Amino acid sequence: MSGEARWIFGYGSLVWRPAFDFDDRAAASIEGFARRFWQGSPDHRGVPQAPGRVVTLVERAGLRCSGVAYRVAGERWPEVLDALDERESGGFERHEVALRFRDPARTPARGLVYVAGPGNPNFLGPAPLGQIARQVAESAGSSGSNLEYVLRLDVSLRELGAPDAHVAELAALLRGRGYDRGPSFAEE
């Protein structure tokens, strides 16, 4: 399938930092999933002894998760997939999903999404929002602070016109506790 363009769906850091070449970017959503800060990050947004929390998808009938779909040219597909497999190595697995684009002129398509399910060793599962906020505020890894991850995701989803209640509630709690008063990431 090296000649056929394929889609990748991003709902976490891929929304603002895909870090791969793509031919097209479009607001999209997938049905039957909710975004939750239930996945541990022992590398990118934390360390093994103090993992951060990043989003994964959990199945929820009747719900829709909005994000960004990226179309990758067929000749670049293998290298992009290799890079994403490495980036999402902490318990994430590839799943094929149906993509619905916000633009009604676009035809729905199939795409890949990375999901970290409850069977992986870094899955943390649900916790009270205050506990998640404390863990986020205290965690950092090779890709930066966990706080930056939450705040960037919240801002990016709002800019996309697709705010997420779970992300927004956590970001508001972190901002309300003054955790966002550190160095700014807006200049990058």
C-alpha atoms as a PDB file:
ATOM      1  CA  MET A   1       0.000   0.000   0.000  1.00  0.00           C
ATOM      2  CA  SER A   2       2.949   2.327  -0.423  1.00  0.00           C
ATOM      3  CA  GLY A   3       1.154   4.380  -3.094  1.00  0.00           C
ATOM      4  CA  GLU A   4      -2.064   4.950  -1.162  1.00  0.00           C
ATOM      5  CA  ALA A   5      -2.457   7.939   1.189  1.00  0.00           C
ATOM      6  CA  ARG A   6      -3.684   7.042   4.680  1.00  0.00           C
ATOM      7  CA  TRP A   7      -5.100   8.960   7.648  1.00  0.00           C
ATOM      8  CA  ILE A   8      -3.870   9.246  11.264  1.00  0.00           C
ATOM      9  CA  PHE A   9      -6.267  10.567  13.921  1.00  0.00           C
ATOM     10  CA  GLY A  10      -4.803  12.632  16.749  1.00  0.00           C
ATOM     11  CA  TYR A  11      -6.639  13.456  19.971  1.00  0.00           C
ATOM     12  CA  GLY A  12      -3.752  14.251  22.364  1.00  0.00           C
ATOM     13  CA  SER A  13      -0.381  15.814  21.615  1.00  0.00           C
ATOM     14  CA  LEU A  14      -0.799  14.979  17.921  1.00  0.00           C
ATOM     15  CA  VAL A  15      -3.405  17.761  17.816  1.00  0.00           C
ATOM     16  CA  TRP A  16      -0.723  20.444  18.239  1.00  0.00           C
ATOM     17  CA  ARG A  17       2.536  18.572  17.531  1.00  0.00           C
ATOM     18  CA  PRO A  18       2.262  15.876  14.902  1.00  0.00           C
ATOM     19  CA  ALA A  19       6.055  15.894  14.261  1.00  0.00           C
ATOM     20  CA  PHE A  20       5.690  14.146  10.901  1.00  0.00           C
ATOM     21  CA  ASP A  21       5.137  15.255   7.318  1.00  0.00           C
ATOM     22  CA  PHE A  22       1.533  15.204   6.149  1.00  0.00           C
ATOM     23  CA  ASP A  23      -0.322  16.272   3.014  1.00  0.00           C
ATOM     24  CA  ASP A  24      -3.586  17.354   4.592  1.00  0.00           C
ATOM     25  CA  ARG A  25      -4.918  18.267   8.052  1.00  0.00           C
ATOM     26  CA  ALA A  26      -8.605  18.353   8.888  1.00  0.00           C
ATOM     27  CA  ALA A  27     -10.821  18.605  11.955  1.00  0.00           C
ATOM     28  CA  ALA A  28     -12.396  15.193  12.462  1.00  0.00           C
ATOM     29  CA  SER A  29     -14.042  12.990  15.053  1.00  0.00           C
ATOM     30  CA  ILE A  30     -14.558   9.350  15.910  1.00  0.00           C
ATOM     31  CA  GLU A  31     -17.708   7.861  17.404  1.00  0.00           C
ATOM     32  CA  GLY A  32     -18.025   5.759  20.541  1.00  0.00           C
ATOM     33  CA  PHE A  33     -15.019   7.098  22.445  1.00  0.00           C
ATOM     34  CA  ALA A  34     -14.245   9.580  25.219  1.00  0.00           C
ATOM     35  CA  ARG A  35     -10.841  11.170  25.885  1.00  0.00           C
ATOM     36  CA  ARG A  36      -9.589  10.596  29.448  1.00  0.00           C
ATOM     37  CA  PHE A  37      -6.371  11.279  31.401  1.00  0.00           C
ATOM     38  CA  TRP A  38      -6.104   7.636  32.394  1.00  0.00           C
ATOM     39  CA  GLN A  39      -2.785   6.640  30.792  1.00  0.00           C
ATOM     40  CA  GLY A  40       0.513   6.877  32.640  1.00  0.00           C
ATOM     41  CA  SER A  41       3.476   8.455  30.882  1.00  0.00           C
ATOM     42  CA  PRO A  42       6.730   7.135  32.356  1.00  0.00           C
ATOM     43  CA  ASP A  43       8.805   8.755  29.612  1.00  0.00           C
ATOM     44  CA  HIS A  44       7.387  11.719  27.674  1.00  0.00           C
ATOM     45  CA  ARG A  45       5.509  13.534  30.489  1.00  0.00           C
ATOM     46  CA  GLY A  46       6.895  11.764  33.533  1.00  0.00           C
ATOM     47  CA  VAL A  47       9.506   9.280  34.695  1.00  0.00           C
ATOM     48  CA  PRO A  48       9.101   5.612  35.705  1.00  0.00           C
ATOM     49  CA  GLN A  49       9.014   6.393  39.435  1.00  0.00           C
ATOM     50  CA  ALA A  50       6.647   9.365  38.916  1.00  0.00           C
ATOM     51  CA  PRO A  51       4.639   8.947  35.702  1.00  0.00           C
ATOM     52  CA  GLY A  52       2.629  11.786  34.290  1.00  0.00           C
ATOM     53  CA  ARG A  53      -0.897  11.412  32.920  1.00  0.00           C
ATOM     54  CA  VAL A  54      -1.764  11.657  29.246  1.00  0.00           C
ATOM     55  CA  VAL A  55      -4.980  11.044  27.394  1.00  0.00           C
ATOM     56  CA  THR A  56      -6.183   7.794  25.971  1.00  0.00           C
ATOM     57  CA  LEU A  57      -9.546   6.795  24.577  1.00  0.00           C
ATOM     58  CA  VAL A  58     -12.137   4.771  26.446  1.00  0.00           C
ATOM     59  CA  GLU A  59     -15.141   3.270  24.756  1.00  0.00           C
ATOM     60  CA  ARG A  60     -18.340   5.186  25.493  1.00  0.00           C
ATOM     61  CA  ALA A  61     -21.400   4.456  23.389  1.00  0.00           C
ATOM     62  CA  GLY A  62     -23.079   7.582  22.058  1.00  0.00           C
ATOM     63  CA  LEU A  63     -20.087   9.853  22.614  1.00  0.00           C
ATOM     64  CA  ARG A  64     -17.792  11.454  20.061  1.00  0.00           C
ATOM     65  CA  CYS A  65     -14.141  12.414  20.395  1.00  0.00           C
ATOM     66  CA  SER A  66     -12.989  15.338  18.261  1.00  0.00           C
ATOM     67  CA  GLY A  67      -9.443  15.883  17.106  1.00  0.00           C
ATOM     68  CA  VAL A  68      -7.350  16.249  13.979  1.00  0.00           C
ATOM     69  CA  ALA A  69      -6.867  13.845  11.085  1.00  0.00           C
ATOM     70  CA  TYR A  70      -3.672  13.939   9.049  1.00  0.00           C
ATOM     71  CA  ARG A  71      -3.412  12.441   5.574  1.00  0.00           C
ATOM     72  CA  VAL A  72       0.010  10.937   4.911  1.00  0.00           C
ATOM     73  CA  ALA A  73       1.246  10.117   1.420  1.00  0.00           C
ATOM     74  CA  GLY A  74       1.701   6.423   0.732  1.00  0.00           C
ATOM     75  CA  GLU A  75       5.432   6.663   0.107  1.00  0.00           C
ATOM     76  CA  ARG A  76       5.929   8.298   3.554  1.00  0.00           C
ATOM     77  CA  TRP A  77       3.482   6.012   5.369  1.00  0.00           C
ATOM     78  CA  PRO A  78       6.022   3.389   6.572  1.00  0.00           C
ATOM     79  CA  GLU A  79       8.411   5.966   8.074  1.00  0.00           C
ATOM     80  CA  VAL A  80       5.561   7.918   9.721  1.00  0.00           C
ATOM     81  CA  LEU A  81       4.137   4.727  11.185  1.00  0.00           C
ATOM     82  CA  ASP A  82       7.566   3.683  12.525  1.00  0.00           C
ATOM     83  CA  ALA A  83       7.998   7.106  14.168  1.00  0.00           C
ATOM     84  CA  LEU A  84       4.512   7.001  15.692  1.00  0.00           C
ATOM     85  CA  ASP A  85       4.985   3.438  16.933  1.00  0.00           C
ATOM     86  CA  GLU A  86       8.088   4.641  18.789  1.00  0.00           C
ATOM     87  CA  ARG A  87       6.413   7.824  20.062  1.00  0.00           C
ATOM     88  CA  GLU A  88       3.340   5.924  21.280  1.00  0.00           C
ATOM     89  CA  SER A  89       5.311   2.990  22.710  1.00  0.00           C
ATOM     90  CA  GLY A  90       4.220   3.309  26.337  1.00  0.00           C
ATOM     91  CA  GLY A  91       1.209   1.009  26.020  1.00  0.00           C
ATOM     92  CA  PHE A  92      -0.551   2.438  22.973  1.00  0.00           C
ATOM     93  CA  GLU A  93      -1.741   0.163  20.177  1.00  0.00           C
ATOM     94  CA  ARG A  94      -2.949   0.982  16.682  1.00  0.00           C
ATOM     95  CA  HIS A  95      -6.664   0.691  15.926  1.00  0.00           C
ATOM     96  CA  GLU A  96      -8.514   1.347  12.704  1.00  0.00           C
ATOM     97  CA  VAL A  97     -11.460   3.720  13.063  1.00  0.00           C
ATOM     98  CA  ALA A  98     -14.047   5.512  10.960  1.00  0.00           C
ATOM     99  CA  LEU A  99     -13.276   9.227  10.639  1.00  0.00           C
ATOM    100  CA  ARG A 100     -15.982  11.825  10.218  1.00  0.00           C
ATOM    101  CA  PHE A 101     -14.732  15.194   9.061  1.00  0.00           C
ATOM    102  CA  ARG A 102     -16.206  18.445  10.329  1.00  0.00           C
ATOM    103  CA  ASP A 103     -16.335  19.755   6.748  1.00  0.00           C
ATOM    104  CA  PRO A 104     -19.472  18.104   5.284  1.00  0.00           C
ATOM    105  CA  ALA A 105     -17.920  18.268   1.808  1.00  0.00           C
ATOM    106  CA  ARG A 106     -15.320  15.685   2.886  1.00  0.00           C
ATOM    107  CA  THR A 107     -16.128  12.014   2.506  1.00  0.00           C
ATOM    108  CA  PRO A 108     -15.776   9.918   5.694  1.00  0.00           C
ATOM    109  CA  ALA A 109     -12.608   7.822   5.697  1.00  0.00           C
ATOM    110  CA  ARG A 110     -10.837   5.053   7.588  1.00  0.00           C
ATOM    111  CA  GLY A 111      -7.839   5.983   9.689  1.00  0.00           C
ATOM    112  CA  LEU A 112      -5.505   4.791  12.421  1.00  0.00           C
ATOM    113  CA  VAL A 113      -5.612   5.931  16.022  1.00  0.00           C
ATOM    114  CA  TYR A 114      -3.386   4.957  18.944  1.00  0.00           C
ATOM    115  CA  VAL A 115      -5.238   3.807  22.062  1.00  0.00           C
ATOM    116  CA  ALA A 116      -3.821   2.678  25.414  1.00  0.00           C
ATOM    117  CA  GLY A 117      -6.250   0.201  26.904  1.00  0.00           C
ATOM    118  CA  PRO A 118      -6.609  -1.033  30.480  1.00  0.00           C
ATOM    119  CA  GLY A 119      -4.462  -4.111  29.788  1.00  0.00           C
ATOM    120  CA  ASN A 120      -1.234  -2.159  29.292  1.00  0.00           C
ATOM    121  CA  PRO A 121       1.260  -1.792  32.181  1.00  0.00           C
ATOM    122  CA  ASN A 122       1.065   2.029  32.209  1.00  0.00           C
ATOM    123  CA  PHE A 123      -2.720   2.285  32.421  1.00  0.00           C
ATOM    124  CA  LEU A 124      -3.668   4.265  35.544  1.00  0.00           C
ATOM    125  CA  GLY A 125      -7.421   4.384  35.124  1.00  0.00           C
ATOM    126  CA  PRO A 126      -9.854   6.849  36.654  1.00  0.00           C
ATOM    127  CA  ALA A 127      -9.058   8.955  39.703  1.00  0.00           C
ATOM    128  CA  PRO A 128     -10.587  12.014  41.378  1.00  0.00           C
ATOM    129  CA  LEU A 129      -9.837  15.141  39.336  1.00  0.00           C
ATOM    130  CA  GLY A 130      -7.891  16.726  42.212  1.00  0.00           C
ATOM    131  CA  GLN A 131      -5.604  13.696  42.376  1.00  0.00           C
ATOM    132  CA  ILE A 132      -5.047  13.816  38.610  1.00  0.00           C
ATOM    133  CA  ALA A 133      -4.257  17.560  38.872  1.00  0.00           C
ATOM    134  CA  ARG A 134      -1.660  16.981  41.609  1.00  0.00           C
ATOM    135  CA  GLN A 135      -0.005  14.219  39.573  1.00  0.00           C
ATOM    136  CA  VAL A 136       0.037  16.417  36.452  1.00  0.00           C
ATOM    137  CA  ALA A 137       1.449  19.423  38.337  1.00  0.00           C
ATOM    138  CA  GLU A 138       4.326  17.343  39.740  1.00  0.00           C
ATOM    139  CA  SER A 139       5.297  15.421  36.574  1.00  0.00           C
ATOM    140  CA  ALA A 140       7.737  16.079  33.755  1.00  0.00           C
ATOM    141  CA  GLY A 141       9.590  13.921  31.267  1.00  0.00           C
ATOM    142  CA  SER A 142      11.641  14.017  28.082  1.00  0.00           C
ATOM    143  CA  SER A 143       8.908  15.890  26.144  1.00  0.00           C
ATOM    144  CA  GLY A 144       8.344  18.501  28.853  1.00  0.00           C
ATOM    145  CA  SER A 145       6.048  19.077  31.787  1.00  0.00           C
ATOM    146  CA  ASN A 146       2.761  17.270  32.152  1.00  0.00           C
ATOM    147  CA  LEU A 147       1.158  20.629  32.943  1.00  0.00           C
ATOM    148  CA  GLU A 148       2.234  21.951  29.541  1.00  0.00           C
ATOM    149  CA  TYR A 149       0.627  18.898  27.902  1.00  0.00           C
ATOM    150  CA  VAL A 150      -2.739  19.514  29.595  1.00  0.00           C
ATOM    151  CA  LEU A 151      -2.789  23.252  28.926  1.00  0.00           C
ATOM    152  CA  ARG A 152      -1.676  22.918  25.289  1.00  0.00           C
ATOM    153  CA  LEU A 153      -4.298  20.261  24.664  1.00  0.00           C
ATOM    154  CA  ASP A 154      -7.007  22.436  26.184  1.00  0.00           C
ATOM    155  CA  VAL A 155      -5.982  25.512  24.146  1.00  0.00           C
ATOM    156  CA  SER A 156      -5.569  23.494  20.939  1.00  0.00           C
ATOM    157  CA  LEU A 157      -8.998  21.876  21.247  1.00  0.00           C
ATOM    158  CA  ARG A 158     -10.616  25.270  21.893  1.00  0.00           C
ATOM    159  CA  GLU A 159      -8.830  26.750  18.865  1.00  0.00           C
ATOM    160  CA  LEU A 160     -10.089  23.796  16.844  1.00  0.00           C
ATOM    161  CA  GLY A 161     -13.625  24.641  17.979  1.00  0.00           C
ATOM    162  CA  ALA A 162     -13.878  21.287  19.739  1.00  0.00           C
ATOM    163  CA  PRO A 163     -13.439  21.829  23.492  1.00  0.00           C
ATOM    164  CA  ASP A 164     -13.491  18.675  25.609  1.00  0.00           C
ATOM    165  CA  ALA A 165     -15.207  18.861  29.014  1.00  0.00           C
ATOM    166  CA  HIS A 166     -12.764  16.465  30.750  1.00  0.00           C
ATOM    167  CA  VAL A 167      -9.701  18.323  29.435  1.00  0.00           C
ATOM    168  CA  ALA A 168     -11.216  21.754  30.124  1.00  0.00           C
ATOM    169  CA  GLU A 169     -12.174  20.834  33.692  1.00  0.00           C
ATOM    170  CA  LEU A 170      -8.670  19.579  34.465  1.00  0.00           C
ATOM    171  CA  ALA A 171      -7.039  22.620  32.820  1.00  0.00           C
ATOM    172  CA  ALA A 172      -9.333  24.988  34.755  1.00  0.00           C
ATOM    173  CA  LEU A 173      -8.470  23.254  38.031  1.00  0.00           C
ATOM    174  CA  LEU A 174      -4.744  23.537  37.289  1.00  0.00           C
ATOM    175  CA  ARG A 175      -5.081  27.196  36.323  1.00  0.00           C
ATOM    176  CA  GLY A 176      -7.213  27.900  39.404  1.00  0.00           C
ATOM    177  CA  ARG A 177      -4.503  26.504  41.637  1.00  0.00           C
ATOM    178  CA  GLY A 178      -1.935  28.750  39.978  1.00  0.00           C
ATOM    179  CA  TYR A 179       0.075  25.973  38.375  1.00  0.00           C
ATOM    180  CA  ASP A 180      -0.008  27.760  35.029  1.00  0.00           C
ATOM    181  CA  ARG A 181       2.032  30.733  36.287  1.00  0.00           C
ATOM    182  CA  GLY A 182       5.356  29.135  35.445  1.00  0.00           C
ATOM    183  CA  PRO A 183       7.330  29.646  32.223  1.00  0.00           C
ATOM    184  CA  SER A 184       5.118  30.235  29.202  1.00  0.00           C
ATOM    185  CA  PHE A 185       5.055  27.783  26.326  1.00  0.00           C
ATOM    186  CA  ALA A 186       3.229  30.154  23.970  1.00  0.00           C
ATOM    187  CA  GLU A 187       6.389  31.515  22.331  1.00  0.00           C
ATOM    188  CA  GLU A 188       7.484  28.193  20.793  1.00  0.00           C
END
